[in-house]
């Protein structure tokens, strides 16, 4: 597998999280798991490894 330089940076950002998963301490984690939903914080954490505390349990929708 070969990567371009910018793809390597994107890959490293993907596997390096700045914070712990917001779902680990969330009160509605089991509901999201059973209904296959996610909040804004989870989406940001999955894509960038970081999120704002205000995004936890905000804009909950079906996971893609």
N, C-alpha and C. Protein backbone atom coordinates (compact mmCIF):
# COMPACT_ATOMS: atom_id res chain seq x y z
N UNK A 1 0.85 -1.17 0.00
CA UNK A 1 0.00 0.00 0.00
C UNK A 1 0.89 1.24 0.00
N UNK A 2 0.63 2.16 -0.89
CA UNK A 2 1.41 3.39 -0.94
C UNK A 2 0.52 4.58 -0.62
N UNK A 3 1.11 5.52 0.07
CA UNK A 3 0.40 6.72 0.46
C UNK A 3 1.10 7.94 -0.11
N UNK A 4 0.34 8.95 -0.43
CA UNK A 4 0.91 10.24 -0.75
C UNK A 4 1.16 10.96 0.58
N UNK A 5 1.99 11.98 0.58
CA UNK A 5 2.35 12.65 1.82
C UNK A 5 1.12 13.16 2.56
N UNK A 6 0.18 13.82 1.89
CA UNK A 6 -0.99 14.33 2.59
C UNK A 6 -1.89 13.20 3.08
N UNK A 7 -1.90 12.07 2.42
CA UNK A 7 -2.69 10.94 2.88
C UNK A 7 -2.10 10.37 4.17
N UNK A 8 -0.78 10.40 4.30
CA UNK A 8 -0.15 9.91 5.54
C UNK A 8 -0.58 10.80 6.70
N UNK A 9 -0.56 12.10 6.52
CA UNK A 9 -1.00 13.01 7.58
C UNK A 9 -2.44 12.75 7.95
N UNK A 10 -3.30 12.56 6.96
CA UNK A 10 -4.71 12.27 7.23
C UNK A 10 -4.85 10.95 7.99
N UNK A 11 -4.06 9.95 7.60
CA UNK A 11 -4.13 8.65 8.26
C UNK A 11 -3.66 8.76 9.71
N UNK A 12 -2.58 9.49 9.96
CA UNK A 12 -2.10 9.67 11.33
C UNK A 12 -3.13 10.41 12.17
N UNK A 13 -3.79 11.41 11.61
CA UNK A 13 -4.83 12.11 12.34
C UNK A 13 -6.01 11.19 12.63
N UNK A 14 -6.28 10.27 11.72
CA UNK A 14 -7.38 9.35 11.89
C UNK A 14 -7.15 8.40 13.06
N UNK A 15 -5.91 7.93 13.22
CA UNK A 15 -5.65 6.94 14.26
C UNK A 15 -5.19 7.58 15.57
N UNK A 16 -4.94 8.87 15.60
CA UNK A 16 -4.50 9.54 16.81
C UNK A 16 -5.64 10.39 17.36
N UNK A 17 -6.12 10.04 18.53
CA UNK A 17 -7.21 10.78 19.15
C UNK A 17 -6.66 11.72 20.21
N UNK A 18 -7.15 12.92 20.21
CA UNK A 18 -6.73 13.90 21.20
C UNK A 18 -7.45 13.70 22.52
N UNK A 19 -8.64 13.11 22.46
CA UNK A 19 -9.45 12.90 23.67
C UNK A 19 -10.01 11.48 23.64
N UNK A 20 -10.50 11.04 24.79
CA UNK A 20 -11.17 9.75 24.87
C UNK A 20 -12.51 9.83 24.15
N UNK A 21 -13.02 8.70 23.76
CA UNK A 21 -14.30 8.65 23.07
C UNK A 21 -15.40 9.25 23.95
N UNK A 22 -16.21 10.15 23.41
CA UNK A 22 -17.26 10.77 24.21
C UNK A 22 -18.34 9.78 24.63
N UNK A 23 -18.44 8.67 23.94
CA UNK A 23 -19.47 7.68 24.25
C UNK A 23 -19.18 6.91 25.54
N UNK A 24 -17.89 6.82 25.91
CA UNK A 24 -17.50 6.02 27.06
C UNK A 24 -18.16 6.46 28.36
N UNK A 25 -18.41 7.74 28.53
CA UNK A 25 -19.00 8.25 29.76
C UNK A 25 -20.38 8.87 29.55
N UNK A 26 -20.96 8.68 28.38
CA UNK A 26 -22.24 9.30 28.05
C UNK A 26 -23.41 8.52 28.66
N UNK A 27 -24.38 9.26 29.16
CA UNK A 27 -25.54 8.65 29.80
C UNK A 27 -26.46 7.93 28.81
N UNK A 28 -26.42 8.29 27.54
CA UNK A 28 -27.31 7.67 26.56
C UNK A 28 -26.58 6.72 25.62
N UNK A 29 -25.40 6.26 26.03
CA UNK A 29 -24.59 5.39 25.17
C UNK A 29 -25.36 4.13 24.77
N UNK A 30 -26.04 3.49 25.70
CA UNK A 30 -26.75 2.25 25.39
C UNK A 30 -27.92 2.50 24.42
N UNK A 31 -28.56 3.64 24.56
CA UNK A 31 -29.64 3.99 23.64
C UNK A 31 -29.10 4.18 22.23
N UNK A 32 -28.00 4.90 22.11
CA UNK A 32 -27.37 5.09 20.79
C UNK A 32 -26.94 3.76 20.20
N UNK A 33 -26.40 2.90 21.05
CA UNK A 33 -25.95 1.60 20.56
C UNK A 33 -27.12 0.77 20.05
N UNK A 34 -28.22 0.75 20.78
CA UNK A 34 -29.35 -0.08 20.37
C UNK A 34 -30.12 0.51 19.19
N UNK A 35 -30.16 1.85 19.10
CA UNK A 35 -30.90 2.51 18.02
C UNK A 35 -30.00 2.91 16.85
N UNK A 36 -28.70 2.61 16.94
CA UNK A 36 -27.72 2.92 15.90
C UNK A 36 -27.75 4.42 15.58
N UNK A 37 -27.61 5.24 16.63
CA UNK A 37 -27.55 6.69 16.48
C UNK A 37 -26.22 7.20 17.01
N UNK A 38 -25.92 8.45 16.70
CA UNK A 38 -24.71 9.09 17.20
C UNK A 38 -24.94 10.58 17.30
N UNK A 39 -24.22 11.22 18.21
CA UNK A 39 -24.36 12.66 18.40
C UNK A 39 -23.24 13.38 17.65
N UNK A 40 -23.30 14.69 17.70
CA UNK A 40 -22.30 15.52 17.02
C UNK A 40 -20.90 15.26 17.56
N UNK A 41 -20.77 15.08 18.87
CA UNK A 41 -19.46 14.81 19.46
C UNK A 41 -18.88 13.50 18.96
N UNK A 42 -19.71 12.47 18.86
CA UNK A 42 -19.24 11.17 18.37
C UNK A 42 -18.79 11.28 16.92
N UNK A 43 -19.57 11.96 16.08
CA UNK A 43 -19.19 12.10 14.68
C UNK A 43 -17.86 12.83 14.54
N UNK A 44 -17.68 13.89 15.31
CA UNK A 44 -16.42 14.64 15.25
C UNK A 44 -15.27 13.80 15.77
N UNK A 45 -15.49 13.04 16.83
CA UNK A 45 -14.43 12.21 17.39
C UNK A 45 -14.03 11.10 16.42
N UNK A 46 -15.04 10.49 15.75
CA UNK A 46 -14.74 9.43 14.79
C UNK A 46 -13.93 9.96 13.61
N UNK A 47 -14.18 11.20 13.19
CA UNK A 47 -13.49 11.72 12.02
C UNK A 47 -12.22 12.50 12.33
N UNK A 48 -12.16 13.16 13.50
CA UNK A 48 -11.01 14.02 13.79
C UNK A 48 -10.29 13.68 15.09
N UNK A 49 -10.87 12.83 15.92
CA UNK A 49 -10.24 12.48 17.19
C UNK A 49 -10.42 13.52 18.28
N UNK A 50 -11.27 14.50 18.04
CA UNK A 50 -11.50 15.57 19.01
C UNK A 50 -12.94 16.05 18.88
N UNK A 51 -13.43 16.71 19.90
CA UNK A 51 -14.80 17.23 19.92
C UNK A 51 -14.91 18.29 20.99
N UNK A 52 -15.99 19.04 20.95
CA UNK A 52 -16.28 20.03 21.99
C UNK A 52 -17.25 19.40 22.99
N UNK A 53 -17.10 19.73 24.27
CA UNK A 53 -17.99 19.18 25.29
C UNK A 53 -19.45 19.54 25.01
N UNK A 54 -19.67 20.70 24.44
CA UNK A 54 -21.04 21.14 24.14
C UNK A 54 -21.71 20.27 23.07
N UNK A 55 -20.93 19.49 22.30
CA UNK A 55 -21.50 18.65 21.24
C UNK A 55 -22.01 17.30 21.74
N UNK A 56 -21.72 16.96 23.00
CA UNK A 56 -22.18 15.68 23.54
C UNK A 56 -23.70 15.71 23.67
N UNK A 57 -24.36 14.69 23.14
CA UNK A 57 -25.82 14.52 23.11
C UNK A 57 -26.50 15.62 22.31
N UNK A 58 -25.81 16.24 21.39
CA UNK A 58 -26.37 17.30 20.55
C UNK A 58 -26.51 16.76 19.13
N UNK A 59 -27.62 17.06 18.50
CA UNK A 59 -27.90 16.67 17.11
C UNK A 59 -27.76 15.15 16.93
N UNK A 60 -28.47 14.41 17.74
CA UNK A 60 -28.43 12.94 17.64
C UNK A 60 -29.21 12.51 16.39
N UNK A 61 -28.60 11.64 15.59
CA UNK A 61 -29.26 11.14 14.38
C UNK A 61 -28.73 9.74 14.08
N UNK A 62 -29.38 9.09 13.13
CA UNK A 62 -28.98 7.73 12.73
C UNK A 62 -27.55 7.76 12.20
N UNK A 63 -26.77 6.77 12.59
CA UNK A 63 -25.39 6.67 12.11
C UNK A 63 -25.39 6.29 10.64
N UNK A 64 -24.41 6.79 9.95
CA UNK A 64 -24.32 6.51 8.50
C UNK A 64 -23.68 5.17 8.23
